[in-house]
Amino acid sequence: MRKITIHQNDTQTIELIDDSDEPIEEYCANLSQVMKMGNIAILKTSSASVVLRPSKVVGIKVEDSASSEVKPPTIIPPEESKEKPKTNEDIITDVDS
């Protein structure tokens, strides 16, 4: 399974999933043909079809499913200190009027 991310000029992205078993080098070579097309291109995957204007596409990223799994961030709580942190405070005792 592959995740395909299409980046466009206007910073919007389109994400697709494809179940192709084709080697990634061949898959990318075939996918690059979209960039050579004229006004309109149709990209069909196992999950969806997209009608694209190749002149508006700046890049296409292809990831295998193993590398595209997103892991949630790990939250590490700060260690609790027994001492109060020192702060630098300026105290004004006399004000000239």
PDB file of N, CA and C in Angstrom:
ATOM      1  N   MET A   1       0.848  -1.169   0.000  1.00  0.00           N
ATOM      2  CA  MET A   1       0.000   0.000   0.000  1.00  0.00           C
ATOM      3  C   MET A   1       0.893   1.232   0.000  1.00  0.00           C
ATOM      4  N   ARG A   2       0.474   2.238  -0.759  1.00  0.00           N
ATOM      5  CA  ARG A   2       1.256   3.460  -0.896  1.00  0.00           C
ATOM      6  C   ARG A   2       0.393   4.680  -0.600  1.00  0.00           C
ATOM      7  N   LYS A   3       1.039   5.694  -0.045  1.00  0.00           N
ATOM      8  CA  LYS A   3       0.388   6.980   0.183  1.00  0.00           C
ATOM      9  C   LYS A   3       0.989   7.952  -0.827  1.00  0.00           C
ATOM     10  N   ILE A   4       0.118   8.616  -1.573  1.00  0.00           N
ATOM     11  CA  ILE A   4       0.542   9.570  -2.594  1.00  0.00           C
ATOM     12  C   ILE A   4       0.083  10.958  -2.144  1.00  0.00           C
ATOM     13  N   THR A   5       1.023  11.891  -2.068  1.00  0.00           N
ATOM     14  CA  THR A   5       0.708  13.262  -1.692  1.00  0.00           C
ATOM     15  C   THR A   5       1.061  14.162  -2.862  1.00  0.00           C
ATOM     16  N   ILE A   6       0.068  14.891  -3.363  1.00  0.00           N
ATOM     17  CA  ILE A   6       0.260  15.788  -4.498  1.00  0.00           C
ATOM     18  C   ILE A   6       0.280  17.214  -3.969  1.00  0.00           C
ATOM     19  N   HIS A   7       1.400  17.908  -4.196  1.00  0.00           N
ATOM     20  CA  HIS A   7       1.559  19.298  -3.749  1.00  0.00           C
ATOM     21  C   HIS A   7       1.278  20.218  -4.925  1.00  0.00           C
ATOM     22  N   GLN A   8       0.465  21.249  -4.676  1.00  0.00           N
ATOM     23  CA  GLN A   8       0.075  22.176  -5.725  1.00  0.00           C
ATOM     24  C   GLN A   8       0.631  23.572  -5.460  1.00  0.00           C
ATOM     25  N   ASN A   9       0.564  24.434  -6.472  1.00  0.00           N
ATOM     26  CA  ASN A   9       1.059  25.811  -6.355  1.00  0.00           C
ATOM     27  C   ASN A   9       0.429  26.570  -5.200  1.00  0.00           C
ATOM     28  N   ASP A  10      -0.848  26.369  -4.981  1.00  0.00           N
ATOM     29  CA  ASP A  10      -1.557  27.139  -3.957  1.00  0.00           C
ATOM     30  C   ASP A  10      -1.444  26.522  -2.563  1.00  0.00           C
ATOM     31  N   THR A  11      -0.465  25.691  -2.352  1.00  0.00           N
ATOM     32  CA  THR A  11      -0.124  25.030  -1.084  1.00  0.00           C
ATOM     33  C   THR A  11      -1.150  24.015  -0.592  1.00  0.00           C
ATOM     34  N   GLN A  12      -2.197  23.769  -1.345  1.00  0.00           N
ATOM     35  CA  GLN A  12      -3.123  22.711  -0.969  1.00  0.00           C
ATOM     36  C   GLN A  12      -2.526  21.377  -1.385  1.00  0.00           C
ATOM     37  N   THR A  13      -2.791  20.334  -0.602  1.00  0.00           N
ATOM     38  CA  THR A  13      -2.296  19.008  -0.954  1.00  0.00           C
ATOM     39  C   THR A  13      -3.462  18.055  -1.136  1.00  0.00           C
ATOM     40  N   ILE A  14      -3.236  17.060  -1.969  1.00  0.00           N
ATOM     41  CA  ILE A  14      -4.206  15.994  -2.194  1.00  0.00           C
ATOM     42  C   ILE A  14      -3.516  14.708  -1.781  1.00  0.00           C
ATOM     43  N   GLU A  15      -4.174  13.906  -0.931  1.00  0.00           N
ATOM     44  CA  GLU A  15      -3.601  12.643  -0.491  1.00  0.00           C
ATOM     45  C   GLU A  15      -4.452  11.483  -0.992  1.00  0.00           C
ATOM     46  N   LEU A  16      -3.773  10.476  -1.546  1.00  0.00           N
ATOM     47  CA  LEU A  16      -4.434   9.287  -2.062  1.00  0.00           C
ATOM     48  C   LEU A  16      -3.742   8.048  -1.524  1.00  0.00           C
ATOM     49  N   ILE A  17      -4.459   6.944  -1.507  1.00  0.00           N
ATOM     50  CA  ILE A  17      -3.910   5.647  -1.125  1.00  0.00           C
ATOM     51  C   ILE A  17      -4.040   4.724  -2.331  1.00  0.00           C
ATOM     52  N   ASP A  18      -2.996   3.922  -2.580  1.00  0.00           N
ATOM     53  CA  ASP A  18      -3.036   2.974  -3.691  1.00  0.00           C
ATOM     54  C   ASP A  18      -2.511   1.628  -3.216  1.00  0.00           C
ATOM     55  N   ASP A  19      -3.150   0.564  -3.668  1.00  0.00           N
ATOM     56  CA  ASP A  19      -2.786  -0.806  -3.275  1.00  0.00           C
ATOM     57  C   ASP A  19      -1.835  -1.478  -4.254  1.00  0.00           C
ATOM     58  N   SER A  20      -1.149  -0.730  -5.069  1.00  0.00           N
ATOM     59  CA  SER A  20      -0.281  -1.302  -6.098  1.00  0.00           C
ATOM     60  C   SER A  20       0.889  -2.086  -5.493  1.00  0.00           C
ATOM     61  N   ASP A  21       1.219  -3.217  -6.123  1.00  0.00           N
ATOM     62  CA  ASP A  21       2.371  -4.021  -5.709  1.00  0.00           C
ATOM     63  C   ASP A  21       3.589  -3.755  -6.595  1.00  0.00           C
ATOM     64  N   GLU A  22       3.471  -2.821  -7.509  1.00  0.00           N
ATOM     65  CA  GLU A  22       4.541  -2.474  -8.428  1.00  0.00           C
ATOM     66  C   GLU A  22       5.733  -1.900  -7.639  1.00  0.00           C
ATOM     67  N   PRO A  23       6.969  -2.208  -8.026  1.00  0.00           N
ATOM     68  CA  PRO A  23       8.133  -1.625  -7.342  1.00  0.00           C
ATOM     69  C   PRO A  23       8.049  -0.098  -7.365  1.00  0.00           C
ATOM     70  N   ILE A  24       8.496   0.532  -6.300  1.00  0.00           N
ATOM     71  CA  ILE A  24       8.319   1.982  -6.156  1.00  0.00           C
ATOM     72  C   ILE A  24       9.018   2.775  -7.261  1.00  0.00           C
ATOM     73  N   GLU A  25      10.148   2.272  -7.772  1.00  0.00           N
ATOM     74  CA  GLU A  25      10.843   2.973  -8.851  1.00  0.00           C
ATOM     75  C   GLU A  25       9.982   3.028 -10.108  1.00  0.00           C
ATOM     76  N   GLU A  26       9.378   1.903 -10.462  1.00  0.00           N
ATOM     77  CA  GLU A  26       8.503   1.858 -11.638  1.00  0.00           C
ATOM     78  C   GLU A  26       7.243   2.677 -11.395  1.00  0.00           C
ATOM     79  N   TYR A  27       6.717   2.583 -10.191  1.00  0.00           N
ATOM     80  CA  TYR A  27       5.499   3.307  -9.834  1.00  0.00           C
ATOM     81  C   TYR A  27       5.719   4.810 -10.003  1.00  0.00           C
ATOM     82  N   CYS A  28       6.844   5.312  -9.492  1.00  0.00           N
ATOM     83  CA  CYS A  28       7.157   6.736  -9.608  1.00  0.00           C
ATOM     84  C   CYS A  28       7.385   7.148 -11.061  1.00  0.00           C
ATOM     85  N   ALA A  29       8.037   6.284 -11.833  1.00  0.00           N
ATOM     86  CA  ALA A  29       8.258   6.579 -13.251  1.00  0.00           C
ATOM     87  C   ALA A  29       6.924   6.702 -13.981  1.00  0.00           C
ATOM     88  N   ASN A  30       5.998   5.798 -13.702  1.00  0.00           N
ATOM     89  CA  ASN A  30       4.671   5.874 -14.325  1.00  0.00           C
ATOM     90  C   ASN A  30       3.907   7.109 -13.856  1.00  0.00           C
ATOM     91  N   LEU A  31       4.034   7.418 -12.579  1.00  0.00           N
ATOM     92  CA  LEU A  31       3.339   8.573 -12.021  1.00  0.00           C
ATOM     93  C   LEU A  31       3.902   9.884 -12.563  1.00  0.00           C
ATOM     94  N   SER A  32       5.177   9.899 -12.890  1.00  0.00           N
ATOM     95  CA  SER A  32       5.792  11.120 -13.425  1.00  0.00           C
ATOM     96  C   SER A  32       5.228  11.492 -14.798  1.00  0.00           C
ATOM     97  N   GLN A  33       4.606  10.543 -15.473  1.00  0.00           N
ATOM     98  CA  GLN A  33       3.991  10.831 -16.774  1.00  0.00           C
ATOM     99  C   GLN A  33       2.875  11.865 -16.634  1.00  0.00           C
ATOM    100  N   VAL A  34       2.285  11.958 -15.459  1.00  0.00           N
ATOM    101  CA  VAL A  34       1.241  12.957 -15.213  1.00  0.00           C
ATOM    102  C   VAL A  34       1.798  14.358 -15.426  1.00  0.00           C
ATOM    103  N   MET A  35       3.036  14.573 -15.006  1.00  0.00           N
ATOM    104  CA  MET A  35       3.641  15.902 -15.111  1.00  0.00           C
ATOM    105  C   MET A  35       3.921  16.297 -16.570  1.00  0.00           C
ATOM    106  N   LYS A  36       3.991  15.314 -17.472  1.00  0.00           N
ATOM    107  CA  LYS A  36       4.273  15.585 -18.886  1.00  0.00           C
ATOM    108  C   LYS A  36       3.017  15.846 -19.705  1.00  0.00           C
ATOM    109  N   MET A  37       1.855  15.631 -19.113  1.00  0.00           N
ATOM    110  CA  MET A  37       0.599  15.775 -19.847  1.00  0.00           C
ATOM    111  C   MET A  37       0.252  17.243 -20.057  1.00  0.00           C
ATOM    112  N   GLY A  38      -0.710  17.481 -20.925  1.00  0.00           N
ATOM    113  CA  GLY A  38      -1.128  18.832 -21.285  1.00  0.00           C
ATOM    114  C   GLY A  38      -1.953  19.511 -20.214  1.00  0.00           C
ATOM    115  N   ASN A  39      -3.146  19.941 -20.597  1.00  0.00           N
ATOM    116  CA  ASN A  39      -3.995  20.725 -19.712  1.00  0.00           C
ATOM    117  C   ASN A  39      -4.569  19.946 -18.538  1.00  0.00           C
ATOM    118  N   ILE A  40      -5.064  18.747 -18.793  1.00  0.00           N
ATOM    119  CA  ILE A  40      -5.756  17.979 -17.759  1.00  0.00           C
ATOM    120  C   ILE A  40      -5.230  16.548 -17.737  1.00  0.00           C
ATOM    121  N   ALA A  41      -5.084  16.011 -16.530  1.00  0.00           N
ATOM    122  CA  ALA A  41      -4.673  14.615 -16.370  1.00  0.00           C
ATOM    123  C   ALA A  41      -5.588  13.961 -15.354  1.00  0.00           C
ATOM    124  N   ILE A  42      -5.860  12.679 -15.553  1.00  0.00           N
ATOM    125  CA  ILE A  42      -6.665  11.918 -14.599  1.00  0.00           C
ATOM    126  C   ILE A  42      -5.753  10.885 -13.962  1.00  0.00           C
ATOM    127  N   LEU A  43      -5.660  10.943 -12.652  1.00  0.00           N
ATOM    128  CA  LEU A  43      -4.855  10.002 -11.886  1.00  0.00           C
ATOM    129  C   LEU A  43      -5.799   9.060 -11.162  1.00  0.00           C
ATOM    130  N   LYS A  44      -5.721   7.774 -11.504  1.00  0.00           N
ATOM    131  CA  LYS A  44      -6.597   6.773 -10.890  1.00  0.00           C
ATOM    132  C   LYS A  44      -5.779   5.902  -9.951  1.00  0.00           C
ATOM    133  N   THR A  45      -6.279   5.731  -8.728  1.00  0.00           N
ATOM    134  CA  THR A  45      -5.664   4.823  -7.763  1.00  0.00           C
ATOM    135  C   THR A  45      -6.738   3.856  -7.284  1.00  0.00           C
ATOM    136  N   SER A  46      -6.359   2.931  -6.415  1.00  0.00           N
ATOM    137  CA  SER A  46      -7.343   1.972  -5.913  1.00  0.00           C
ATOM    138  C   SER A  46      -8.362   2.627  -4.986  1.00  0.00           C
ATOM    139  N   SER A  47      -8.035   3.795  -4.431  1.00  0.00           N
ATOM    140  CA  SER A  47      -8.961   4.437  -3.504  1.00  0.00           C
ATOM    141  C   SER A  47      -9.777   5.564  -4.117  1.00  0.00           C
ATOM    142  N   ALA A  48      -9.252   6.202  -5.183  1.00  0.00           N
ATOM    143  CA  ALA A  48      -9.953   7.350  -5.756  1.00  0.00           C
ATOM    144  C   ALA A  48      -9.356   7.720  -7.106  1.00  0.00           C
ATOM    145  N   SER A  49     -10.047   8.637  -7.780  1.00  0.00           N
ATOM    146  CA  SER A  49      -9.540   9.232  -9.017  1.00  0.00           C
ATOM    147  C   SER A  49      -9.499  10.737  -8.822  1.00  0.00           C
ATOM    148  N   VAL A  50      -8.487  11.367  -9.418  1.00  0.00           N
ATOM    149  CA  VAL A  50      -8.323  12.813  -9.281  1.00  0.00           C
ATOM    150  C   VAL A  50      -8.086  13.403 -10.659  1.00  0.00           C
ATOM    151  N   VAL A  51      -8.763  14.497 -10.927  1.00  0.00           N
ATOM    152  CA  VAL A  51      -8.540  15.238 -12.163  1.00  0.00           C
ATOM    153  C   VAL A  51      -7.595  16.385 -11.800  1.00  0.00           C
ATOM    154  N   LEU A  52      -6.433  16.433 -12.470  1.00  0.00           N
ATOM    155  CA  LEU A  52      -5.391  17.402 -12.142  1.00  0.00           C
ATOM    156  C   LEU A  52      -5.064  18.300 -13.313  1.00  0.00           C
ATOM    157  N   ARG A  53      -4.569  19.462 -12.996  1.00  0.00           N
ATOM    158  CA  ARG A  53      -3.967  20.337 -13.990  1.00  0.00           C
ATOM    159  C   ARG A  53      -2.457  20.270 -13.714  1.00  0.00           C
ATOM    160  N   PRO A  54      -1.689  19.538 -14.539  1.00  0.00           N
ATOM    161  CA  PRO A  54      -0.259  19.342 -14.272  1.00  0.00           C
ATOM    162  C   PRO A  54       0.539  20.627 -14.087  1.00  0.00           C
ATOM    163  N   SER A  55       0.118  21.715 -14.721  1.00  0.00           N
ATOM    164  CA  SER A  55       0.854  22.976 -14.583  1.00  0.00           C
ATOM    165  C   SER A  55       0.743  23.551 -13.169  1.00  0.00           C
ATOM    166  N   LYS A  56      -0.234  23.098 -12.379  1.00  0.00           N
ATOM    167  CA  LYS A  56      -0.418  23.574 -11.009  1.00  0.00           C
ATOM    168  C   LYS A  56       0.221  22.644  -9.976  1.00  0.00           C
ATOM    169  N   VAL A  57       0.754  21.495 -10.423  1.00  0.00           N
ATOM    170  CA  VAL A  57       1.371  20.527  -9.514  1.00  0.00           C
ATOM    171  C   VAL A  57       2.858  20.832  -9.436  1.00  0.00           C
ATOM    172  N   VAL A  58       3.366  21.009  -8.208  1.00  0.00           N
ATOM    173  CA  VAL A  58       4.792  21.279  -8.043  1.00  0.00           C
ATOM    174  C   VAL A  58       5.567  20.035  -7.615  1.00  0.00           C
ATOM    175  N   GLY A  59       4.869  19.052  -7.082  1.00  0.00           N
ATOM    176  CA  GLY A  59       5.554  17.823  -6.679  1.00  0.00           C
ATOM    177  C   GLY A  59       4.585  16.745  -6.273  1.00  0.00           C
ATOM    178  N   ILE A  60       5.049  15.498  -6.411  1.00  0.00           N
ATOM    179  CA  ILE A  60       4.257  14.339  -5.997  1.00  0.00           C
ATOM    180  C   ILE A  60       5.159  13.469  -5.134  1.00  0.00           C
ATOM    181  N   LYS A  61       4.703  13.187  -3.923  1.00  0.00           N
ATOM    182  CA  LYS A  61       5.470  12.364  -2.989  1.00  0.00           C
ATOM    183  C   LYS A  61       4.802  11.002  -2.877  1.00  0.00           C
ATOM    184  N   VAL A  62       5.612   9.935  -3.004  1.00  0.00           N
ATOM    185  CA  VAL A  62       5.101   8.571  -2.906  1.00  0.00           C
ATOM    186  C   VAL A  62       5.811   7.892  -1.742  1.00  0.00           C
ATOM    187  N   GLU A  63       5.026   7.341  -0.810  1.00  0.00           N
ATOM    188  CA  GLU A  63       5.583   6.653   0.362  1.00  0.00           C
ATOM    189  C   GLU A  63       5.009   5.251   0.453  1.00  0.00           C
ATOM    190  N   ASP A  64       5.852   4.291   0.816  1.00  0.00           N
ATOM    191  CA  ASP A  64       5.340   2.960   1.132  1.00  0.00           C
ATOM    192  C   ASP A  64       4.610   3.038   2.457  1.00  0.00           C
ATOM    193  N   SER A  65       3.668   2.126   2.670  1.00  0.00           N
ATOM    194  CA  SER A  65       2.850   2.178   3.878  1.00  0.00           C
ATOM    195  C   SER A  65       3.676   2.093   5.146  1.00  0.00           C
ATOM    196  N   ALA A  66       4.785   1.372   5.133  1.00  0.00           N
ATOM    197  CA  ALA A  66       5.609   1.235   6.330  1.00  0.00           C
ATOM    198  C   ALA A  66       6.215   2.576   6.723  1.00  0.00           C
ATOM    199  N   SER A  67       6.610   3.399   5.733  1.00  0.00           N
ATOM    200  CA  SER A  67       7.228   4.682   6.060  1.00  0.00           C
ATOM    201  C   SER A  67       6.212   5.795   6.239  1.00  0.00           C
ATOM    202  N   SER A  68       4.967   5.577   5.822  1.00  0.00           N
ATOM    203  CA  SER A  68       3.983   6.646   5.915  1.00  0.00           C
ATOM    204  C   SER A  68       3.124   6.569   7.173  1.00  0.00           C
ATOM    205  N   GLU A  69       3.356   5.568   8.016  1.00  0.00           N
ATOM    206  CA  GLU A  69       2.586   5.490   9.244  1.00  0.00           C
ATOM    207  C   GLU A  69       2.981   6.642  10.151  1.00  0.00           C
ATOM    208  N   VAL A  70       2.000   7.375  10.604  1.00  0.00           N
ATOM    209  CA  VAL A  70       2.269   8.520  11.452  1.00  0.00           C
ATOM    210  C   VAL A  70       2.072   8.094  12.895  1.00  0.00           C
ATOM    211  N   LYS A  71       3.103   8.292  13.681  1.00  0.00           N
ATOM    212  CA  LYS A  71       3.022   7.952  15.094  1.00  0.00           C
ATOM    213  C   LYS A  71       2.668   9.215  15.857  1.00  0.00           C
ATOM    214  N   PRO A  72       1.782   9.095  16.851  1.00  0.00           N
ATOM    215  CA  PRO A  72       1.439  10.285  17.626  1.00  0.00           C
ATOM    216  C   PRO A  72       2.634  10.742  18.449  1.00  0.00           C
ATOM    217  N   PRO A  73       2.736  12.035  18.703  1.00  0.00           N
ATOM    218  CA  PRO A  73       3.868  12.522  19.482  1.00  0.00           C
ATOM    219  C   PRO A  73       3.817  11.996  20.919  1.00  0.00           C
ATOM    220  N   THR A  74       4.976  11.764  21.462  1.00  0.00           N
ATOM    221  CA  THR A  74       5.073  11.314  22.842  1.00  0.00           C
ATOM    222  C   THR A  74       5.210  12.540  23.729  1.00  0.00           C
ATOM    223  N   ILE A  75       4.367  12.622  24.736  1.00  0.00           N
ATOM    224  CA  ILE A  75       4.415  13.750  25.656  1.00  0.00           C
ATOM    225  C   ILE A  75       5.178  13.320  26.896  1.00  0.00           C
ATOM    226  N   ILE A  76       6.255  14.021  27.167  1.00  0.00           N
ATOM    227  CA  ILE A  76       7.064  13.714  28.339  1.00  0.00           C
ATOM    228  C   ILE A  76       6.851  14.841  29.341  1.00  0.00           C
ATOM    229  N   PRO A  77       6.266  14.515  30.508  1.00  0.00           N
ATOM    230  CA  PRO A  77       6.021  15.579  31.490  1.00  0.00           C
ATOM    231  C   PRO A  77       7.341  16.072  32.087  1.00  0.00           C
ATOM    232  N   PRO A  78       7.419  17.357  32.412  1.00  0.00           N
ATOM    233  CA  PRO A  78       8.652  17.871  33.006  1.00  0.00           C
ATOM    234  C   PRO A  78       8.843  17.309  34.408  1.00  0.00           C
ATOM    235  N   GLU A  79      10.086  17.164  34.783  1.00  0.00           N
ATOM    236  CA  GLU A  79      10.360  16.668  36.127  1.00  0.00           C
ATOM    237  C   GLU A  79       9.961  17.739  37.122  1.00  0.00           C
ATOM    238  N   GLU A  80       9.327  17.305  38.171  1.00  0.00           N
ATOM    239  CA  GLU A  80       8.903  18.259  39.187  1.00  0.00           C
ATOM    240  C   GLU A  80      10.076  18.583  40.081  1.00  0.00           C
ATOM    241  N   SER A  81      10.325  19.855  40.241  1.00  0.00           N
ATOM    242  CA  SER A  81      11.439  20.316  41.056  1.00  0.00           C
ATOM    243  C   SER A  81      10.931  20.642  42.447  1.00  0.00           C
ATOM    244  N   LYS A  82      11.730  20.286  43.455  1.00  0.00           N
ATOM    245  CA  LYS A  82      11.351  20.582  44.829  1.00  0.00           C
ATOM    246  C   LYS A  82      11.633  22.034  45.162  1.00  0.00           C
ATOM    247  N   GLU A  83      12.595  22.630  44.473  1.00  0.00           N
ATOM    248  CA  GLU A  83      12.931  24.024  44.717  1.00  0.00           C
ATOM    249  C   GLU A  83      12.149  24.910  43.758  1.00  0.00           C
ATOM    250  N   LYS A  84      11.837  26.090  44.249  1.00  0.00           N
ATOM    251  CA  LYS A  84      11.185  27.063  43.392  1.00  0.00           C
ATOM    252  C   LYS A  84      12.212  27.624  42.435  1.00  0.00           C
ATOM    253  N   PRO A  85      11.872  27.780  41.190  1.00  0.00           N
ATOM    254  CA  PRO A  85      12.851  28.376  40.275  1.00  0.00           C
ATOM    255  C   PRO A  85      13.110  29.832  40.662  1.00  0.00           C
ATOM    256  N   LYS A  86      14.368  30.227  40.534  1.00  0.00           N
ATOM    257  CA  LYS A  86      14.728  31.603  40.859  1.00  0.00           C
ATOM    258  C   LYS A  86      14.302  32.508  39.713  1.00  0.00           C
ATOM    259  N   THR A  87      13.729  33.626  40.076  1.00  0.00           N
ATOM    260  CA  THR A  87      13.354  34.611  39.071  1.00  0.00           C
ATOM    261  C   THR A  87      14.033  35.920  39.398  1.00  0.00           C
ATOM    262  N   ASN A  88      14.385  36.624  38.388  1.00  0.00           N
ATOM    263  CA  ASN A  88      14.989  37.939  38.578  1.00  0.00           C
ATOM    264  C   ASN A  88      13.874  38.967  38.591  1.00  0.00           C
ATOM    265  N   GLU A  89      13.757  39.674  39.724  1.00  0.00           N
ATOM    266  CA  GLU A  89      12.730  40.699  39.845  1.00  0.00           C
ATOM    267  C   GLU A  89      13.391  42.018  40.163  1.00  0.00           C
ATOM    268  N   ASP A  90      12.956  43.050  39.518  1.00  0.00           N
ATOM    269  CA  ASP A  90      13.415  44.395  39.829  1.00  0.00           C
ATOM    270  C   ASP A  90      12.383  45.041  40.725  1.00  0.00           C
ATOM    271  N   ILE A  91      12.834  45.571  41.856  1.00  0.00           N
ATOM    272  CA  ILE A  91      11.917  46.219  42.784  1.00  0.00           C
ATOM    273  C   ILE A  91      12.240  47.712  42.798  1.00  0.00           C
ATOM    274  N   ILE A  92      11.247  48.512  42.496  1.00  0.00           N
ATOM    275  CA  ILE A  92      11.433  49.962  42.489  1.00  0.00           C
ATOM    276  C   ILE A  92      11.001  50.467  43.860  1.00  0.00           C
ATOM    277  N   THR A  93      11.940  51.133  44.564  1.00  0.00           N
ATOM    278  CA  THR A  93      11.612  51.614  45.904  1.00  0.00           C
ATOM    279  C   THR A  93      11.376  53.104  45.939  1.00  0.00           C
ATOM    280  N   ASP A  94      11.914  53.857  45.001  1.00  0.00           N
ATOM    281  CA  ASP A  94      11.751  55.305  45.010  1.00  0.00           C
ATOM    282  C   ASP A  94      11.527  55.771  43.587  1.00  0.00           C
ATOM    283  N   VAL A  95      10.507  56.609  43.414  1.00  0.00           N
ATOM    284  CA  VAL A  95      10.191  57.114  42.095  1.00  0.00           C
ATOM    285  C   VAL A  95      10.327  58.620  42.088  1.00  0.00           C
ATOM    286  N   ASP A  96      11.075  59.140  41.140  1.00  0.00           N
ATOM    287  CA  ASP A  96      11.196  60.605  41.009  1.00  0.00           C
ATOM    288  C   ASP A  96       9.951  61.130  40.299  1.00  0.00           C
ATOM    289  N   SER A  97       9.399  62.259  40.811  1.00  0.00           N
ATOM    290  CA  SER A  97       8.229  62.820  40.176  1.00  0.00           C
ATOM    291  C   SER A  97       8.548  64.008  39.338  1.00  0.00           C
TER     292      SER A  97
END
